[in-house]
Amino acid sequence: MAGRNGMTRISGEMGIRISLYQGIRHSSATEAATRVSMDVILEFLGYTSQRMSRRYVKQNPDRLKGALRVVK
């Protein structure tokens, strides 16, 4: 079930139309958003505006967990 056919089948069952390339690109950018600055994500994705890159940070709430922890 691995590979492009598996990705197509599973995403289709979920009602999502996304290619393997798009899925890997989005996944990589989301993962990188927890470790590097938005400028790096912008360059990685080839965007000219941070507007599109910010979507990946918003989709990753783990990045913000540290700011939400209660200091005792």
PDB file of N, CA and C in Angstrom:
ATOM      1  N   MET A   1       0.815  -1.191   0.000  1.00  0.00           N
ATOM      2  CA  MET A   1       0.000   0.000   0.000  1.00  0.00           C
ATOM      3  C   MET A   1       0.862   1.261   0.000  1.00  0.00           C
ATOM      4  N   ALA A   2       2.135   1.122   0.051  1.00  0.00           N
ATOM      5  CA  ALA A   2       3.012   2.291   0.077  1.00  0.00           C
ATOM      6  C   ALA A   2       3.095   2.931  -1.301  1.00  0.00           C
ATOM      7  N   GLY A   3       3.575   4.143  -1.328  1.00  0.00           N
ATOM      8  CA  GLY A   3       3.822   4.816  -2.591  1.00  0.00           C
ATOM      9  C   GLY A   3       2.649   5.611  -3.107  1.00  0.00           C
ATOM     10  N   ARG A   4       2.777   5.966  -4.357  1.00  0.00           N
ATOM     11  CA  ARG A   4       1.796   6.849  -4.989  1.00  0.00           C
ATOM     12  C   ARG A   4       0.397   6.259  -5.012  1.00  0.00           C
ATOM     13  N   ASN A   5       0.277   4.985  -5.337  1.00  0.00           N
ATOM     14  CA  ASN A   5      -1.055   4.375  -5.399  1.00  0.00           C
ATOM     15  C   ASN A   5      -1.732   4.358  -4.034  1.00  0.00           C
ATOM     16  N   GLY A   6      -0.973   4.064  -2.998  1.00  0.00           N
ATOM     17  CA  GLY A   6      -1.524   4.068  -1.641  1.00  0.00           C
ATOM     18  C   GLY A   6      -1.961   5.459  -1.225  1.00  0.00           C
ATOM     19  N   MET A   7      -1.142   6.446  -1.542  1.00  0.00           N
ATOM     20  CA  MET A   7      -1.459   7.836  -1.213  1.00  0.00           C
ATOM     21  C   MET A   7      -2.735   8.270  -1.937  1.00  0.00           C
ATOM     22  N   THR A   8      -2.831   7.936  -3.197  1.00  0.00           N
ATOM     23  CA  THR A   8      -4.006   8.303  -3.988  1.00  0.00           C
ATOM     24  C   THR A   8      -5.258   7.644  -3.429  1.00  0.00           C
ATOM     25  N   ARG A   9      -5.168   6.370  -3.103  1.00  0.00           N
ATOM     26  CA  ARG A   9      -6.327   5.633  -2.594  1.00  0.00           C
ATOM     27  C   ARG A   9      -6.778   6.173  -1.239  1.00  0.00           C
ATOM     28  N   ILE A  10      -5.843   6.327  -0.326  1.00  0.00           N
ATOM     29  CA  ILE A  10      -6.183   6.783   1.024  1.00  0.00           C
ATOM     30  C   ILE A  10      -6.713   8.208   1.007  1.00  0.00           C
ATOM     31  N   SER A  11      -6.037   9.104   0.293  1.00  0.00           N
ATOM     32  CA  SER A  11      -6.517  10.486   0.253  1.00  0.00           C
ATOM     33  C   SER A  11      -7.881  10.559  -0.427  1.00  0.00           C
ATOM     34  N   GLY A  12      -8.111   9.713  -1.433  1.00  0.00           N
ATOM     35  CA  GLY A  12      -9.414   9.663  -2.102  1.00  0.00           C
ATOM     36  C   GLY A  12     -10.514   9.225  -1.160  1.00  0.00           C
ATOM     37  N   GLU A  13     -10.217   8.220  -0.319  1.00  0.00           N
ATOM     38  CA  GLU A  13     -11.202   7.749   0.664  1.00  0.00           C
ATOM     39  C   GLU A  13     -11.539   8.842   1.674  1.00  0.00           C
ATOM     40  N   MET A  14     -10.585   9.732   1.927  1.00  0.00           N
ATOM     41  CA  MET A  14     -10.800  10.835   2.865  1.00  0.00           C
ATOM     42  C   MET A  14     -11.443  12.040   2.194  1.00  0.00           C
ATOM     43  N   GLY A  15     -11.630  11.959   0.879  1.00  0.00           N
ATOM     44  CA  GLY A  15     -12.227  13.071   0.150  1.00  0.00           C
ATOM     45  C   GLY A  15     -11.242  14.188  -0.144  1.00  0.00           C
ATOM     46  N   ILE A  16      -9.952  13.865  -0.141  1.00  0.00           N
ATOM     47  CA  ILE A  16      -8.915  14.858  -0.384  1.00  0.00           C
ATOM     48  C   ILE A  16      -8.232  14.524  -1.702  1.00  0.00           C
ATOM     49  N   ARG A  17      -8.071  15.508  -2.539  1.00  0.00           N
ATOM     50  CA  ARG A  17      -7.354  15.306  -3.796  1.00  0.00           C
ATOM     51  C   ARG A  17      -5.981  15.940  -3.651  1.00  0.00           C
ATOM     52  N   ILE A  18      -4.966  15.111  -3.451  1.00  0.00           N
ATOM     53  CA  ILE A  18      -3.604  15.599  -3.293  1.00  0.00           C
ATOM     54  C   ILE A  18      -2.655  14.576  -3.889  1.00  0.00           C
ATOM     55  N   SER A  19      -1.635  15.055  -4.548  1.00  0.00           N
ATOM     56  CA  SER A  19      -0.659  14.150  -5.147  1.00  0.00           C
ATOM     57  C   SER A  19       0.379  13.753  -4.102  1.00  0.00           C
ATOM     58  N   LEU A  20       1.114  12.710  -4.386  1.00  0.00           N
ATOM     59  CA  LEU A  20       2.182  12.290  -3.485  1.00  0.00           C
ATOM     60  C   LEU A  20       3.194  13.414  -3.315  1.00  0.00           C
ATOM     61  N   TYR A  21       3.534  14.092  -4.404  1.00  0.00           N
ATOM     62  CA  TYR A  21       4.470  15.219  -4.350  1.00  0.00           C
ATOM     63  C   TYR A  21       3.960  16.306  -3.411  1.00  0.00           C
ATOM     64  N   GLN A  22       2.698  16.688  -3.573  1.00  0.00           N
ATOM     65  CA  GLN A  22       2.127  17.734  -2.714  1.00  0.00           C
ATOM     66  C   GLN A  22       2.110  17.292  -1.260  1.00  0.00           C
ATOM     67  N   GLY A  23       1.758  16.046  -1.022  1.00  0.00           N
ATOM     68  CA  GLY A  23       1.702  15.533   0.337  1.00  0.00           C
ATOM     69  C   GLY A  23       3.056  15.555   1.016  1.00  0.00           C
ATOM     70  N   ILE A  24       4.079  15.133   0.305  1.00  0.00           N
ATOM     71  CA  ILE A  24       5.429  15.135   0.867  1.00  0.00           C
ATOM     72  C   ILE A  24       5.909  16.562   1.092  1.00  0.00           C
ATOM     73  N   ARG A  25       5.607  17.430   0.165  1.00  0.00           N
ATOM     74  CA  ARG A  25       6.030  18.825   0.289  1.00  0.00           C
ATOM     75  C   ARG A  25       5.380  19.488   1.511  1.00  0.00           C
ATOM     76  N   HIS A  26       4.086  19.303   1.656  1.00  0.00           N
ATOM     77  CA  HIS A  26       3.371  19.887   2.795  1.00  0.00           C
ATOM     78  C   HIS A  26       3.857  19.275   4.106  1.00  0.00           C
ATOM     79  N   SER A  27       4.016  17.959   4.122  1.00  0.00           N
ATOM     80  CA  SER A  27       4.470  17.281   5.327  1.00  0.00           C
ATOM     81  C   SER A  27       5.869  17.749   5.735  1.00  0.00           C
ATOM     82  N   SER A  28       6.752  17.861   4.769  1.00  0.00           N
ATOM     83  CA  SER A  28       8.118  18.312   5.057  1.00  0.00           C
ATOM     84  C   SER A  28       8.134  19.738   5.584  1.00  0.00           C
ATOM     85  N   ALA A  29       7.342  20.600   4.990  1.00  0.00           N
ATOM     86  CA  ALA A  29       7.291  21.994   5.431  1.00  0.00           C
ATOM     87  C   ALA A  29       6.689  22.112   6.825  1.00  0.00           C
ATOM     88  N   THR A  30       5.662  21.334   7.099  1.00  0.00           N
ATOM     89  CA  THR A  30       5.036  21.357   8.423  1.00  0.00           C
ATOM     90  C   THR A  30       6.028  20.889   9.478  1.00  0.00           C
ATOM     91  N   GLU A  31       6.736  19.823   9.197  1.00  0.00           N
ATOM     92  CA  GLU A  31       7.743  19.306  10.128  1.00  0.00           C
ATOM     93  C   GLU A  31       8.867  20.312  10.321  1.00  0.00           C
ATOM     94  N   ALA A  32       9.327  20.923   9.266  1.00  0.00           N
ATOM     95  CA  ALA A  32      10.415  21.895   9.359  1.00  0.00           C
ATOM     96  C   ALA A  32      10.005  23.129  10.155  1.00  0.00           C
ATOM     97  N   ALA A  33       8.719  23.465  10.134  1.00  0.00           N
ATOM     98  CA  ALA A  33       8.236  24.662  10.830  1.00  0.00           C
ATOM     99  C   ALA A  33       8.467  24.587  12.331  1.00  0.00           C
ATOM    100  N   THR A  34       8.662  23.391  12.869  1.00  0.00           N
ATOM    101  CA  THR A  34       8.929  23.264  14.306  1.00  0.00           C
ATOM    102  C   THR A  34      10.397  23.514  14.625  1.00  0.00           C
ATOM    103  N   ARG A  35      11.260  23.559  13.587  1.00  0.00           N
ATOM    104  CA  ARG A  35      12.695  23.667  13.831  1.00  0.00           C
ATOM    105  C   ARG A  35      13.373  24.883  13.220  1.00  0.00           C
ATOM    106  N   VAL A  36      12.813  25.465  12.193  1.00  0.00           N
ATOM    107  CA  VAL A  36      13.502  26.548  11.489  1.00  0.00           C
ATOM    108  C   VAL A  36      12.595  27.758  11.344  1.00  0.00           C
ATOM    109  N   SER A  37      13.177  28.871  10.951  1.00  0.00           N
ATOM    110  CA  SER A  37      12.421  30.117  10.813  1.00  0.00           C
ATOM    111  C   SER A  37      11.540  30.095   9.567  1.00  0.00           C
ATOM    112  N   MET A  38      10.604  31.020   9.538  1.00  0.00           N
ATOM    113  CA  MET A  38       9.705  31.128   8.397  1.00  0.00           C
ATOM    114  C   MET A  38      10.461  31.470   7.118  1.00  0.00           C
ATOM    115  N   ASP A  39      11.570  32.194   7.243  1.00  0.00           N
ATOM    116  CA  ASP A  39      12.363  32.518   6.059  1.00  0.00           C
ATOM    117  C   ASP A  39      12.902  31.258   5.390  1.00  0.00           C
ATOM    118  N   VAL A  40      13.291  30.280   6.192  1.00  0.00           N
ATOM    119  CA  VAL A  40      13.793  29.020   5.644  1.00  0.00           C
ATOM    120  C   VAL A  40      12.658  28.253   4.962  1.00  0.00           C
ATOM    121  N   ILE A  41      11.478  28.223   5.596  1.00  0.00           N
ATOM    122  CA  ILE A  41      10.319  27.551   5.003  1.00  0.00           C
ATOM    123  C   ILE A  41       9.963  28.231   3.676  1.00  0.00           C
ATOM    124  N   LEU A  42       9.981  29.546   3.674  1.00  0.00           N
ATOM    125  CA  LEU A  42       9.682  30.315   2.469  1.00  0.00           C
ATOM    126  C   LEU A  42      10.623  29.919   1.333  1.00  0.00           C
ATOM    127  N   GLU A  43      11.911  29.829   1.637  1.00  0.00           N
ATOM    128  CA  GLU A  43      12.895  29.449   0.621  1.00  0.00           C
ATOM    129  C   GLU A  43      12.701  27.993   0.185  1.00  0.00           C
ATOM    130  N   PHE A  44      12.447  27.117   1.142  1.00  0.00           N
ATOM    131  CA  PHE A  44      12.251  25.694   0.855  1.00  0.00           C
ATOM    132  C   PHE A  44      11.091  25.473  -0.108  1.00  0.00           C
ATOM    133  N   LEU A  45       9.993  26.181   0.121  1.00  0.00           N
ATOM    134  CA  LEU A  45       8.795  26.014  -0.693  1.00  0.00           C
ATOM    135  C   LEU A  45       8.845  26.808  -1.991  1.00  0.00           C
ATOM    136  N   GLY A  46       9.770  27.752  -2.075  1.00  0.00           N
ATOM    137  CA  GLY A  46       9.883  28.560  -3.279  1.00  0.00           C
ATOM    138  C   GLY A  46       8.838  29.649  -3.386  1.00  0.00           C
ATOM    139  N   TYR A  47       8.270  30.046  -2.261  1.00  0.00           N
ATOM    140  CA  TYR A  47       7.267  31.104  -2.256  1.00  0.00           C
ATOM    141  C   TYR A  47       7.945  32.466  -2.222  1.00  0.00           C
ATOM    142  N   THR A  48       7.254  33.467  -2.722  1.00  0.00           N
ATOM    143  CA  THR A  48       7.769  34.828  -2.658  1.00  0.00           C
ATOM    144  C   THR A  48       7.111  35.622  -1.540  1.00  0.00           C
ATOM    145  N   SER A  49       6.091  35.057  -0.939  1.00  0.00           N
ATOM    146  CA  SER A  49       5.357  35.724   0.134  1.00  0.00           C
ATOM    147  C   SER A  49       5.255  34.800   1.343  1.00  0.00           C
ATOM    148  N   GLN A  50       5.368  35.363   2.534  1.00  0.00           N
ATOM    149  CA  GLN A  50       5.236  34.556   3.750  1.00  0.00           C
ATOM    150  C   GLN A  50       3.801  34.128   3.997  1.00  0.00           C
ATOM    151  N   ARG A  51       2.869  34.720   3.309  1.00  0.00           N
ATOM    152  CA  ARG A  51       1.451  34.397   3.517  1.00  0.00           C
ATOM    153  C   ARG A  51       1.188  32.895   3.350  1.00  0.00           C
ATOM    154  N   MET A  52       1.691  32.305   2.293  1.00  0.00           N
ATOM    155  CA  MET A  52       1.475  30.881   2.057  1.00  0.00           C
ATOM    156  C   MET A  52       2.275  30.036   3.058  1.00  0.00           C
ATOM    157  N   SER A  53       3.479  30.446   3.370  1.00  0.00           N
ATOM    158  CA  SER A  53       4.312  29.676   4.300  1.00  0.00           C
ATOM    159  C   SER A  53       3.700  29.621   5.694  1.00  0.00           C
ATOM    160  N   ARG A  54       3.027  30.679   6.112  1.00  0.00           N
ATOM    161  CA  ARG A  54       2.431  30.730   7.451  1.00  0.00           C
ATOM    162  C   ARG A  54       1.383  29.639   7.658  1.00  0.00           C
ATOM    163  N   ARG A  55       0.787  29.155   6.594  1.00  0.00           N
ATOM    164  CA  ARG A  55      -0.218  28.088   6.713  1.00  0.00           C
ATOM    165  C   ARG A  55       0.358  26.865   7.408  1.00  0.00           C
ATOM    166  N   TYR A  56       1.616  26.570   7.167  1.00  0.00           N
ATOM    167  CA  TYR A  56       2.223  25.379   7.744  1.00  0.00           C
ATOM    168  C   TYR A  56       2.424  25.524   9.246  1.00  0.00           C
ATOM    169  N   VAL A  57       2.769  26.715   9.688  1.00  0.00           N
ATOM    170  CA  VAL A  57       2.944  26.943  11.123  1.00  0.00           C
ATOM    171  C   VAL A  57       1.606  26.863  11.829  1.00  0.00           C
ATOM    172  N   LYS A  58       0.560  27.421  11.252  1.00  0.00           N
ATOM    173  CA  LYS A  58      -0.769  27.381  11.847  1.00  0.00           C
ATOM    174  C   LYS A  58      -1.285  25.956  11.966  1.00  0.00           C
ATOM    175  N   GLN A  59      -0.875  25.090  11.062  1.00  0.00           N
ATOM    176  CA  GLN A  59      -1.341  23.716  11.083  1.00  0.00           C
ATOM    177  C   GLN A  59      -0.573  22.850  12.065  1.00  0.00           C
ATOM    178  N   ASN A  60       0.423  23.396  12.737  1.00  0.00           N
ATOM    179  CA  ASN A  60       1.237  22.601  13.639  1.00  0.00           C
ATOM    180  C   ASN A  60       1.174  23.167  15.059  1.00  0.00           C
ATOM    181  N   PRO A  61       0.165  22.783  15.846  1.00  0.00           N
ATOM    182  CA  PRO A  61       0.005  23.336  17.191  1.00  0.00           C
ATOM    183  C   PRO A  61       1.116  22.936  18.154  1.00  0.00           C
ATOM    184  N   ASP A  62       1.864  21.879  17.868  1.00  0.00           N
ATOM    185  CA  ASP A  62       2.964  21.473  18.752  1.00  0.00           C
ATOM    186  C   ASP A  62       3.998  22.580  18.894  1.00  0.00           C
ATOM    187  N   ARG A  63       4.156  23.390  17.872  1.00  0.00           N
ATOM    188  CA  ARG A  63       5.127  24.487  17.912  1.00  0.00           C
ATOM    189  C   ARG A  63       4.769  25.494  19.008  1.00  0.00           C
ATOM    190  N   LEU A  64       3.497  25.624  19.298  1.00  0.00           N
ATOM    191  CA  LEU A  64       3.045  26.628  20.263  1.00  0.00           C
ATOM    192  C   LEU A  64       2.864  26.090  21.684  1.00  0.00           C
ATOM    193  N   LYS A  65       3.020  24.801  21.889  1.00  0.00           N
ATOM    194  CA  LYS A  65       2.782  24.213  23.207  1.00  0.00           C
ATOM    195  C   LYS A  65       3.619  24.855  24.304  1.00  0.00           C
ATOM    196  N   GLY A  66       4.859  25.171  24.014  1.00  0.00           N
ATOM    197  CA  GLY A  66       5.732  25.784  25.015  1.00  0.00           C
ATOM    198  C   GLY A  66       5.195  27.101  25.531  1.00  0.00           C
ATOM    199  N   ALA A  67       4.560  27.862  24.676  1.00  0.00           N
ATOM    200  CA  ALA A  67       3.998  29.154  25.074  1.00  0.00           C
ATOM    201  C   ALA A  67       2.757  28.988  25.927  1.00  0.00           C
ATOM    202  N   LEU A  68       2.119  27.838  25.881  1.00  0.00           N
ATOM    203  CA  LEU A  68       0.873  27.622  26.607  1.00  0.00           C
ATOM    204  C   LEU A  68       1.065  26.912  27.942  1.00  0.00           C
ATOM    205  N   ARG A  69       2.269  26.444  28.220  1.00  0.00           N
ATOM    206  CA  ARG A  69       2.496  25.745  29.475  1.00  0.00           C
ATOM    207  C   ARG A  69       2.455  26.703  30.657  1.00  0.00           C
ATOM    208  N   VAL A  70       1.897  26.234  31.749  1.00  0.00           N
ATOM    209  CA  VAL A  70       1.808  27.056  32.966  1.00  0.00           C
ATOM    210  C   VAL A  70       3.144  26.997  33.692  1.00  0.00           C
ATOM    211  N   VAL A  71       3.671  28.155  34.036  1.00  0.00           N
ATOM    212  CA  VAL A  71       4.927  28.227  34.773  1.00  0.00           C
ATOM    213  C   VAL A  71       4.592  28.131  36.265  1.00  0.00           C
ATOM    214  N   LYS A  72       5.225  27.165  36.959  1.00  0.00           N
ATOM    215  CA  LYS A  72       4.951  26.982  38.381  1.00  0.00           C
ATOM    216  C   LYS A  72       6.028  27.562  39.232  1.00  0.00           C
TER     217      LYS A  72
END
